[in-house]
C-alpha cells in the first residue's frame, strides 16, 4: 500500500529538487506596490502529484509578488522522488531532511534574501529548513493551508465527519488507531510522530516569525492547537478577476463545483433537488467517490445534469456563466477559493454557516447561508434566490464582484502579503538583536 502523498512533476528534478526563478511574460500588466522597497523572497514548496489548490495558490502568489516588483526565487521538490527514495528514507525526511536543509542553506548564503516563505514542507522538505534560515538571519513565514500539523489526515475529518480528536494533543494516538493517514497505521504513526516531535521541540514557536492562514476558521483551529496566536495572520488566497462574463451572459441555473464526496455536502444538494422537486436547472461539475450514487439519485429529477471534470479555466467559465453557485460544505474546509472564483465572475453564492466558505458570504448581499446538512433550508434558499427578478439576481452578482475587488483583489492581497513579510522581517531582526545582547552579557 502506498501511504505517502504524491505530488506533481511539472518541473524537471535536479538531484531530487528544483530551483527556478519565476519569469513573467513582458506583456503582463503590473500594479504598484504600496511600499516601494523591493523584497527578495525565497519561496519553498513541496508539490503534490495531482495539482490542487495548494499548488495553484503557490504559483499565484509567486506571480503576484513578481507583478508587484519583488524578486522571487523558488525551491521546489516533488513527491515523485518518493518512489526512488523509498518509504524508510522518506519517513526520516519527514522529521528532518538534511538534503533540503543543505540545499536551502546554500541558496540563502548565495543571495541576500529578506524572507523565506514556506508554502508546504511535507513530506520531503521538512522544517529543517527553518534552521538554515536562522543561520543566515532570514525571516521565516510559514503558510498553513491544511491541518497536517494538527491532524494526521490533514483535514480534521474522519469517515466524512468533522473530527477534532487529536486537536491540541501532544501525541495523536487516535489517528494511529483510526489509520487517519491514507488508511495506514504505519503512515499515520509517522505523521503523528512528526507532529509530536515538533510540539515537544517547539519547532514552530522557535523557527518561524509569522504564520499565514487562508481563513479565520483555520486561524482559530491552529490557535486551539497551540500555535502562537500573536503570529497568526489571515490572508485569503489569490484569485484572478473573472469579470469578463457580465450579467448579459448569465444562464438561469445553479452550479456546484467541487469534489463529489460527502464532506462537500453534494449528497445533501442532490437530495434537496430530488426531495423538494426543484425545477431550477442544477449543473454539477466535478468527480469523486459519490459520483455513481449521485447520478443514480439525480435521475429522479431531470433538472439535474452532470458536467464531469473540467479544467480550472473551464470551471471558472462555467461559474461565471451561471447565476448561482452552491457550496453547501459540511466540513472544516480551510478556505473558500471557489466562493471567490464565483465572486470574481459576478456570481452569488449559497454556502454553509460556520465554515470557511460560508464566512466569505455576506448574507443577503453576496448570497445566502444555510445550516450544514439542512436539506429543506437549502431548497428554501434556492427558491428565495430564483424568486428574485432577473435584474435583482444580477445586481447581487455585481455586489459580489465589488466585494471581491474591495476585499480580495490582487492589489489588496499583495499589500497584505508584503505587510506580513515586513512584520516577519522586523520580528526576526528583534530576535537576532536580543540574541546578540544575551551573548554580550554572557
Protein backbone atom coordinates (compact mmCIF):
# COMPACT_ATOMS: atom_id res chain seq x y z
CA UNK A 1 0.00 0.00 0.00
CA UNK A 2 1.30 3.48 -0.87
CA UNK A 3 0.80 5.62 2.18
CA UNK A 4 2.72 8.75 1.21
CA UNK A 5 1.11 11.73 -0.56
CA UNK A 6 2.07 12.23 -4.17
CA UNK A 7 2.99 15.38 -5.97
CA UNK A 8 3.11 16.99 -9.37
CA UNK A 9 6.19 16.65 -11.55
CA UNK A 10 5.69 19.73 -13.69
CA UNK A 11 9.34 20.64 -13.18
CA UNK A 12 12.40 18.59 -14.03
CA UNK A 13 14.23 17.38 -10.91
CA UNK A 14 17.87 18.29 -10.41
CA UNK A 15 19.37 15.97 -7.80
CA UNK A 16 15.90 15.45 -6.38
CA UNK A 17 14.98 19.10 -6.05
CA UNK A 18 14.33 22.09 -8.22
CA UNK A 19 15.43 25.69 -8.09
CA UNK A 20 13.88 28.07 -10.55
CA UNK A 21 13.42 31.78 -11.00
CA UNK A 22 9.94 32.93 -11.89
CA UNK A 23 9.73 34.95 -15.09
CA UNK A 24 6.62 36.57 -16.48
CA UNK A 25 5.55 37.46 -19.97
CA UNK A 26 6.63 41.03 -20.59
CA UNK A 27 3.15 41.92 -21.80
CA UNK A 28 1.61 41.16 -18.40
CA UNK A 29 0.22 44.19 -16.63
CA UNK A 30 1.69 45.11 -13.28
CA UNK A 31 0.46 47.25 -10.45
CA UNK A 32 2.26 49.48 -7.95
CA UNK A 33 3.03 48.12 -4.52
CA UNK A 34 2.26 50.36 -1.56
CA UNK A 35 5.79 50.19 -0.19
CA UNK A 36 8.30 50.80 -2.97
CA UNK A 37 11.18 48.79 -1.46
CA UNK A 38 11.72 45.61 -3.40
CA UNK A 39 11.69 42.47 -1.27
CA UNK A 40 13.76 39.38 -2.04
CA UNK A 41 11.77 36.25 -1.30
CA UNK A 42 12.73 32.57 -1.31
CA UNK A 43 9.51 30.63 -1.88
CA UNK A 44 9.59 26.98 -0.73
CA UNK A 45 7.05 24.36 -1.79
CA UNK A 46 6.59 20.57 -1.83
CA UNK A 47 4.36 19.78 -4.83
CA UNK A 48 1.52 17.26 -4.91
CA UNK A 49 1.09 14.65 -7.63
CA UNK A 50 -2.38 15.78 -8.61
CA UNK A 51 -2.22 19.53 -8.91
CA UNK A 52 -4.66 21.07 -6.46
CA UNK A 53 -5.48 24.27 -4.64
CA UNK A 54 -2.19 24.50 -2.72
CA UNK A 55 -0.09 24.22 -5.88
CA UNK A 56 -2.29 26.77 -7.64
CA UNK A 57 -2.06 29.18 -4.70
CA UNK A 58 1.72 28.80 -4.57
CA UNK A 59 2.04 29.71 -8.25
CA UNK A 60 -0.43 32.58 -7.91
CA UNK A 61 1.50 34.15 -5.02
CA UNK A 62 4.79 33.90 -6.88
CA UNK A 63 3.20 35.66 -9.85
CA UNK A 64 1.57 38.25 -7.57
CA UNK A 65 4.90 39.17 -6.00
CA UNK A 66 6.70 39.40 -9.32
CA UNK A 67 3.99 41.61 -10.76
CA UNK A 68 4.37 43.81 -7.70
CA UNK A 69 8.05 44.33 -8.48
CA UNK A 70 9.56 41.90 -5.96
CA UNK A 71 12.29 39.34 -6.62
CA UNK A 72 11.31 35.71 -6.12
CA UNK A 73 13.38 32.55 -6.26
CA UNK A 74 11.74 29.18 -5.65
CA UNK A 75 12.95 25.97 -4.07
CA UNK A 76 10.59 23.20 -5.15
CA UNK A 77 10.60 19.46 -4.52
CA UNK A 78 8.23 16.94 -6.00
CA UNK A 79 6.84 13.88 -4.26
CA UNK A 80 7.68 11.88 -7.36
CA UNK A 81 11.04 11.46 -5.64
CA UNK A 82 9.39 9.16 -3.11
CA UNK A 83 9.26 6.20 -5.49
CA UNK A 84 13.05 6.37 -5.85
CA UNK A 85 13.86 7.20 -2.23
CA UNK A 86 11.73 4.52 -0.59
CA UNK A 87 9.48 4.64 2.46
CA UNK A 88 12.15 4.44 5.15
CA UNK A 89 14.21 7.34 3.78
CA UNK A 90 11.06 9.38 3.23
CA UNK A 91 9.93 8.74 6.81
CA UNK A 92 13.27 10.10 8.06
CA UNK A 93 12.99 13.13 5.78
CA UNK A 94 9.55 13.85 7.21
CA UNK A 95 11.18 14.64 10.55
CA UNK A 96 14.32 16.31 9.20
CA UNK A 97 15.66 16.44 5.65
CA UNK A 98 19.41 17.02 5.55
CA UNK A 99 19.21 17.43 1.77
CA UNK A 100 16.65 20.22 1.92
CA UNK A 101 18.44 21.98 4.75
CA UNK A 102 21.73 21.81 2.87
CA UNK A 103 20.27 23.00 -0.45
CA UNK A 104 18.18 25.79 1.06
CA UNK A 105 21.14 26.92 3.15
CA UNK A 106 23.26 27.11 0.02
CA UNK A 107 20.65 29.25 -1.75
CA UNK A 108 20.27 31.57 1.23
CA UNK A 109 24.03 32.05 1.63
CA UNK A 110 24.46 32.83 -2.07
CA UNK A 111 21.85 35.59 -2.05
CA UNK A 112 20.63 38.30 0.30
CA UNK A 113 17.03 37.26 0.91
CA UNK A 114 14.70 39.22 3.16
CA UNK A 115 12.29 36.40 3.88
CA UNK A 116 11.75 32.69 3.29
CA UNK A 117 8.08 31.88 2.64
CA UNK A 118 7.36 28.18 3.19
CA UNK A 119 4.19 27.02 1.46
CA UNK A 120 4.23 23.24 2.05
CA UNK A 121 7.13 21.35 3.63
CA UNK A 122 5.54 17.88 3.91
CA UNK A 123 6.94 15.28 3.47
CA UNK A 124 10.24 15.79 1.64
CA UNK A 125 11.40 19.26 2.64
CA UNK A 126 10.64 19.23 6.38
CA UNK A 127 11.04 22.03 8.91
CA UNK A 128 14.82 21.51 8.94
CA UNK A 129 14.97 24.47 6.55
CA UNK A 130 13.96 26.75 9.44
CA UNK A 131 17.42 26.23 10.92
CA UNK A 132 19.03 27.08 7.59
CA UNK A 133 17.12 30.36 7.53
CA UNK A 134 18.00 31.15 11.15
CA UNK A 135 21.70 30.51 10.47
CA UNK A 136 21.53 33.03 7.61
CA UNK A 137 19.48 35.59 9.54
CA UNK A 138 16.50 35.31 7.19
CA UNK A 139 12.92 35.78 8.42
CA UNK A 140 10.55 32.80 8.08
CA UNK A 141 6.87 32.89 7.12
CA UNK A 142 5.04 29.54 7.23
CA UNK A 143 1.81 29.13 5.29
CA UNK A 144 -0.75 26.81 6.91
CA UNK A 145 -3.04 25.76 4.06
CA UNK A 146 -4.09 22.45 5.61
CA UNK A 147 -4.35 20.95 9.09
CA UNK A 148 -1.46 18.47 8.70
CA UNK A 149 0.44 19.88 11.69
CA UNK A 150 -2.64 19.30 13.87
CA UNK A 151 -4.19 16.24 12.26
CA UNK A 152 -2.53 13.26 10.57
CA UNK A 153 -5.24 13.20 7.92
CA UNK A 154 -4.76 16.90 7.27
CA UNK A 155 -8.49 17.69 7.12
CA UNK A 156 -9.83 17.46 10.70
CA UNK A 157 -12.20 14.83 9.34
CA UNK A 158 -12.81 11.12 9.78
CA UNK A 159 -15.31 8.95 7.91
CA UNK A 160 -16.79 12.00 6.22
CA UNK A 161 -17.45 13.80 9.52
CA UNK A 162 -15.64 16.62 11.31
CA UNK A 163 -13.16 15.24 13.86
CA UNK A 164 -11.04 17.08 16.43
CA UNK A 165 -9.94 14.04 18.43
CA UNK A 166 -6.25 14.91 18.17
CA UNK A 167 -6.55 18.70 18.23
CA UNK A 168 -4.22 20.06 20.91
CA UNK A 169 -2.85 16.61 21.83
CA UNK A 170 0.91 16.14 22.03
CA UNK A 171 0.56 12.61 20.64
CA UNK A 172 -2.44 11.91 18.43
CA UNK A 173 -2.92 8.26 19.34
CA UNK A 174 -6.42 8.34 17.88
CA UNK A 175 -5.03 8.99 14.41
CA UNK A 176 -2.94 5.81 14.59
CA UNK A 177 -5.86 3.79 15.91
CA UNK A 178 -8.17 5.02 13.16
CA UNK A 179 -5.47 4.93 10.44
CA UNK A 180 -6.23 8.53 9.54
CA UNK A 181 -3.30 8.98 7.15
CA UNK A 182 -4.22 7.28 3.87
CA UNK A 183 -5.70 4.29 5.72
CA UNK A 184 -2.28 3.23 7.01
CA UNK A 185 -1.34 2.70 10.66
CA UNK A 186 2.36 3.00 9.76
CA UNK A 187 1.89 6.18 7.75
CA UNK A 188 -0.30 7.64 10.49
CA UNK A 189 2.33 6.80 13.11
CA UNK A 190 4.99 8.66 11.12
CA UNK A 191 2.86 11.81 10.81
CA UNK A 192 1.75 11.62 14.45
CA UNK A 193 5.39 11.21 15.47
CA UNK A 194 6.39 14.20 13.35
CA UNK A 195 3.73 16.39 14.96
CA UNK A 196 4.63 15.21 18.48
CA UNK A 197 8.31 15.89 17.81
CA UNK A 198 7.58 19.44 16.62
CA UNK A 199 5.36 20.13 19.63
CA UNK A 200 7.98 18.88 22.11
CA UNK A 201 10.81 20.70 20.33
CA UNK A 202 8.67 23.85 19.90
CA UNK A 203 9.69 23.84 16.25
CA UNK A 204 7.06 26.27 15.04
CA UNK A 205 7.45 28.61 18.02
CA UNK A 206 11.23 28.83 17.70
CA UNK A 207 11.57 28.54 13.94
CA UNK A 208 9.04 30.95 12.46
CA UNK A 209 8.25 34.65 12.63
CA UNK A 210 4.73 34.64 11.16
CA UNK A 211 2.06 32.14 10.09
CA UNK A 212 -0.29 32.77 7.19
CA UNK A 213 -3.72 31.12 7.22
CA UNK A 214 -6.35 31.39 4.46
CA UNK A 215 -9.35 31.93 6.75
CA UNK A 216 -10.48 32.87 10.25
CA UNK A 217 -11.60 29.27 10.81
CA UNK A 218 -8.12 27.89 10.12
CA UNK A 219 -6.61 30.52 12.39
CA UNK A 220 -8.96 29.51 15.22
CA UNK A 221 -8.11 25.82 14.85
CA UNK A 222 -4.36 26.42 14.92
CA UNK A 223 -4.71 28.65 17.97
CA UNK A 224 -6.70 25.87 19.64
CA UNK A 225 -3.92 23.51 18.60
CA UNK A 226 -1.32 25.52 20.49
CA UNK A 227 0.22 27.70 17.78
CA UNK A 228 1.21 31.22 18.93
CA UNK A 229 -1.88 33.38 18.37
CA UNK A 230 0.07 36.63 18.04
CA UNK A 231 1.90 35.35 14.95
CA UNK A 232 -1.11 34.06 13.01
CA UNK A 233 -2.35 36.34 10.22
CA UNK A 234 -5.33 35.72 7.93
CA UNK A 235 -4.62 36.26 4.22
CA UNK A 236 -7.03 34.93 1.59
CA UNK A 237 -5.69 33.05 -1.39
CA UNK A 238 -5.07 34.89 -4.66
CA UNK A 239 -7.93 34.53 -7.15
CA UNK A 240 -7.85 36.25 -10.58
CA UNK A 241 -10.62 38.60 -11.70
CA UNK A 242 -13.09 36.77 -13.96
CA UNK A 243 -15.43 39.68 -14.68
CA UNK A 244 -15.37 39.21 -18.45
CA UNK A 245 -18.72 37.41 -18.16
CA UNK A 246 -21.22 40.06 -17.18
CA UNK A 247 -24.94 39.86 -16.48
CA UNK A 248 -25.94 39.51 -20.12
CA UNK A 249 -24.05 36.22 -20.37
CA UNK A 250 -25.61 34.62 -17.29
CA UNK A 251 -27.56 31.37 -17.58
CA UNK A 252 -30.52 31.00 -15.13
CA UNK A 253 -29.10 27.94 -13.42
CA UNK A 254 -27.36 26.90 -10.21
CA UNK A 255 -23.98 25.19 -10.30
CA UNK A 256 -21.90 23.09 -7.92
CA UNK A 257 -18.14 22.91 -8.45
CA UNK A 258 -16.01 20.54 -6.41
CA UNK A 259 -15.14 17.00 -5.43
CA UNK A 260 -18.13 14.67 -5.34
CA UNK A 261 -17.63 13.49 -1.77
CA UNK A 262 -19.71 13.55 1.40
CA UNK A 263 -17.84 16.36 3.15
CA UNK A 264 -18.61 18.76 0.30
CA UNK A 265 -22.33 18.49 1.01
CA UNK A 266 -23.11 17.38 -2.53
CA UNK A 267 -25.27 14.48 -1.30
CA UNK A 268 -27.45 16.97 0.59
CA UNK A 269 -27.52 19.17 -2.51
CA UNK A 270 -28.85 16.45 -4.81
CA UNK A 271 -31.30 15.34 -2.13
CA UNK A 272 -32.66 18.90 -1.93
CA UNK A 273 -33.41 18.86 -5.67
CA UNK A 274 -34.97 15.41 -5.56
CA UNK A 275 -36.92 15.63 -2.31
CA UNK A 276 -38.16 19.21 -2.85
CA UNK A 277 -38.61 18.73 -6.60
CA UNK A 278 -36.79 21.93 -7.50
CA UNK A 279 -37.22 22.91 -11.14
CA UNK A 280 -34.23 25.25 -11.38
CA UNK A 281 -31.52 23.69 -13.58
CA UNK A 282 -28.62 22.38 -11.47
CA UNK A 283 -25.25 21.66 -13.09
CA UNK A 284 -22.82 19.52 -11.09
CA UNK A 285 -19.18 19.92 -12.07
CA UNK A 286 -16.55 17.55 -10.73
CA UNK A 287 -15.83 13.92 -10.00
CA UNK A 288 -15.33 11.80 -6.90
CA UNK A 289 -16.32 8.68 -4.95
CA UNK A 290 -20.04 9.56 -4.77
CA UNK A 291 -20.49 10.15 -8.48
CA UNK A 292 -22.29 6.86 -9.20
CA UNK A 293 -24.61 7.22 -6.22
CA UNK A 294 -25.38 10.84 -7.08
CA UNK A 295 -26.13 10.12 -10.73
CA UNK A 296 -28.50 7.34 -9.72
CA UNK A 297 -30.33 9.56 -7.24
CA UNK A 298 -30.36 12.55 -9.61
CA UNK A 299 -32.17 10.50 -12.26
CA UNK A 300 -35.36 11.28 -10.30
CA UNK A 301 -35.14 14.97 -11.23
CA UNK A 302 -34.43 15.91 -14.88
CA UNK A 303 -33.32 19.40 -13.79
CA UNK A 304 -30.00 17.93 -12.59
CA UNK A 305 -27.12 17.49 -15.05
CA UNK A 306 -23.50 16.40 -14.62
CA UNK A 307 -20.72 18.23 -16.46
CA UNK A 308 -17.89 15.93 -15.36
CA UNK A 309 -14.35 17.01 -14.53
CA UNK A 310 -13.27 20.22 -16.29
CA UNK A 311 -10.08 22.26 -16.23
CA UNK A 312 -9.80 25.17 -13.80
CA UNK A 313 -10.30 27.65 -16.62
CA UNK A 314 -13.39 25.81 -17.87
CA UNK A 315 -14.78 25.53 -14.34
CA UNK A 316 -14.35 29.26 -13.72
CA UNK A 317 -16.03 30.00 -17.04
CA UNK A 318 -18.97 27.75 -16.13
CA UNK A 319 -19.33 29.53 -12.77
CA UNK A 320 -19.15 32.96 -14.41
CA UNK A 321 -21.92 31.95 -16.81
CA UNK A 322 -24.18 30.67 -14.00
CA UNK A 323 -26.46 32.83 -11.88
CA UNK A 324 -25.75 31.00 -8.62
CA UNK A 325 -23.00 28.84 -7.06
CA UNK A 326 -23.95 26.27 -4.43
CA UNK A 327 -21.26 25.22 -1.95
CA UNK A 328 -23.05 23.51 0.99
CA UNK A 329 -19.88 22.16 2.59
CA UNK A 330 -20.20 20.05 5.73
CA UNK A 331 -16.56 20.03 6.87
CA UNK A 332 -13.72 22.19 8.21
CA UNK A 333 -12.54 23.40 4.81
CA UNK A 334 -9.53 25.68 5.08
CA UNK A 335 -10.73 28.26 2.57
CA UNK A 336 -13.50 29.05 0.12
CA UNK A 337 -11.44 29.56 -3.02
CA UNK A 338 -14.40 28.51 -5.14
CA UNK A 339 -16.51 31.23 -3.48
CA UNK A 340 -14.02 33.89 -4.54
CA UNK A 341 -13.80 32.43 -8.03
CA UNK A 342 -17.58 32.79 -8.21
CA UNK A 343 -17.46 36.37 -6.91
CA UNK A 344 -14.72 37.19 -9.41
CA UNK A 345 -17.16 36.14 -12.13
CA UNK A 346 -20.04 38.13 -10.56
CA UNK A 347 -21.86 35.01 -9.35
CA UNK A 348 -23.59 34.99 -5.91
CA UNK A 349 -23.13 32.02 -3.56
CA UNK A 350 -25.18 29.89 -1.18
CA UNK A 351 -22.92 28.19 1.39
CA UNK A 352 -22.92 26.76 4.92
CA UNK A 353 -22.84 28.73 8.15
CA UNK A 354 -19.80 28.31 10.40
CA UNK A 355 -17.50 27.16 7.60
CA UNK A 356 -14.61 28.88 5.83
CA UNK A 357 -16.57 29.22 2.55
CA UNK A 358 -19.60 30.45 4.49
CA UNK A 359 -17.51 33.10 6.25
CA UNK A 360 -16.97 34.71 2.83
CA UNK A 361 -20.70 35.13 2.17
CA UNK A 362 -22.40 38.38 3.21
CA UNK A 363 -25.96 37.25 4.00
CA UNK A 364 -28.49 38.83 1.65
CA UNK A 365 -25.85 40.83 -0.23
CA UNK A 366 -23.47 38.40 -1.94
CA UNK A 367 -25.59 35.30 -1.34
CA UNK A 368 -27.29 33.31 1.40
CA UNK A 369 -26.30 30.98 4.24
CA UNK A 370 -27.80 27.68 5.30
CA UNK A 371 -27.02 25.32 8.18
CA UNK A 372 -24.76 22.41 7.16
CA UNK A 373 -26.80 19.38 6.09
CA UNK A 374 -30.13 21.27 6.16
CA UNK A 375 -31.77 19.94 3.00
CA UNK A 376 -35.06 21.80 3.46
CA UNK A 377 -33.24 25.04 4.29
CA UNK A 378 -31.01 24.67 1.24
CA UNK A 379 -34.02 24.24 -1.05
CA UNK A 380 -35.67 27.28 0.55
CA UNK A 381 -32.57 29.40 -0.12
CA UNK A 382 -32.50 28.33 -3.77
CA UNK A 383 -36.19 29.20 -4.15
CA UNK A 384 -35.61 32.53 -2.43
CA UNK A 385 -32.83 33.45 -4.83
CA UNK A 386 -34.66 32.48 -8.00
CA UNK A 387 -37.84 34.21 -6.82
CA UNK A 388 -35.94 37.47 -7.30
CA UNK A 389 -36.26 39.23 -10.63
CA UNK A 390 -33.52 38.67 -13.19
CA UNK A 391 -32.21 42.18 -12.57
CA UNK A 392 -32.19 41.63 -8.80
CA UNK A 393 -30.24 38.39 -9.21
CA UNK A 394 -27.71 40.08 -11.46
CA UNK A 395 -27.44 43.03 -9.09
CA UNK A 396 -26.50 40.59 -6.31
CA UNK A 397 -23.81 39.28 -8.65
CA UNK A 398 -22.49 42.79 -9.21
CA UNK A 399 -22.37 43.34 -5.45
CA UNK A 400 -20.46 40.05 -5.07
CA UNK A 401 -17.94 41.17 -7.68
CA UNK A 402 -17.48 44.56 -5.99
CA UNK A 403 -16.98 42.76 -2.67
CA UNK A 404 -14.29 40.61 -4.30
CA UNK A 405 -12.46 43.63 -5.71
CA UNK A 406 -12.56 45.52 -2.41
CA UNK A 407 -11.57 42.73 -0.05
CA UNK A 408 -9.90 40.03 -2.17
CA UNK A 409 -8.47 41.78 -5.24
CA UNK A 410 -4.84 41.33 -6.24
CA UNK A 411 -3.69 44.77 -5.09
CA UNK A 412 -5.20 44.25 -1.63
CA UNK A 413 -3.76 40.73 -1.45
CA UNK A 414 -0.28 41.96 -2.34
CA UNK A 415 -0.49 44.65 0.33
CA UNK A 416 -1.45 42.03 2.93
CA UNK A 417 1.29 39.63 1.89
CA UNK A 418 4.12 42.15 1.84
CA UNK A 419 2.86 43.61 5.11
CA UNK A 420 3.22 40.19 6.73
CA UNK A 421 6.70 39.84 5.24
CA UNK A 422 7.77 43.16 6.73
CA UNK A 423 6.34 42.25 10.12
CA UNK A 424 8.27 38.97 9.97
CA UNK A 425 11.47 40.76 8.99
CA UNK A 426 11.08 43.15 11.92
CA UNK A 427 10.37 40.29 14.34
CA UNK A 428 13.39 38.39 13.05
CA UNK A 429 15.62 41.44 13.46
CA UNK A 430 14.40 41.88 17.02
CA UNK A 431 15.08 38.23 17.77
CA UNK A 432 18.66 38.50 16.48
CA UNK A 433 19.23 41.73 18.40
CA UNK A 434 18.09 40.11 21.63
CA UNK A 435 20.31 37.13 20.89
CA UNK A 436 23.36 39.37 20.47
CA UNK A 437 22.59 41.24 23.68
CA UNK A 438 22.31 37.95 25.54
CA UNK A 439 25.65 36.77 24.10
CA UNK A 440 27.32 40.05 25.09
CA UNK A 441 26.08 39.81 28.67
CA UNK A 442 27.46 36.29 28.94
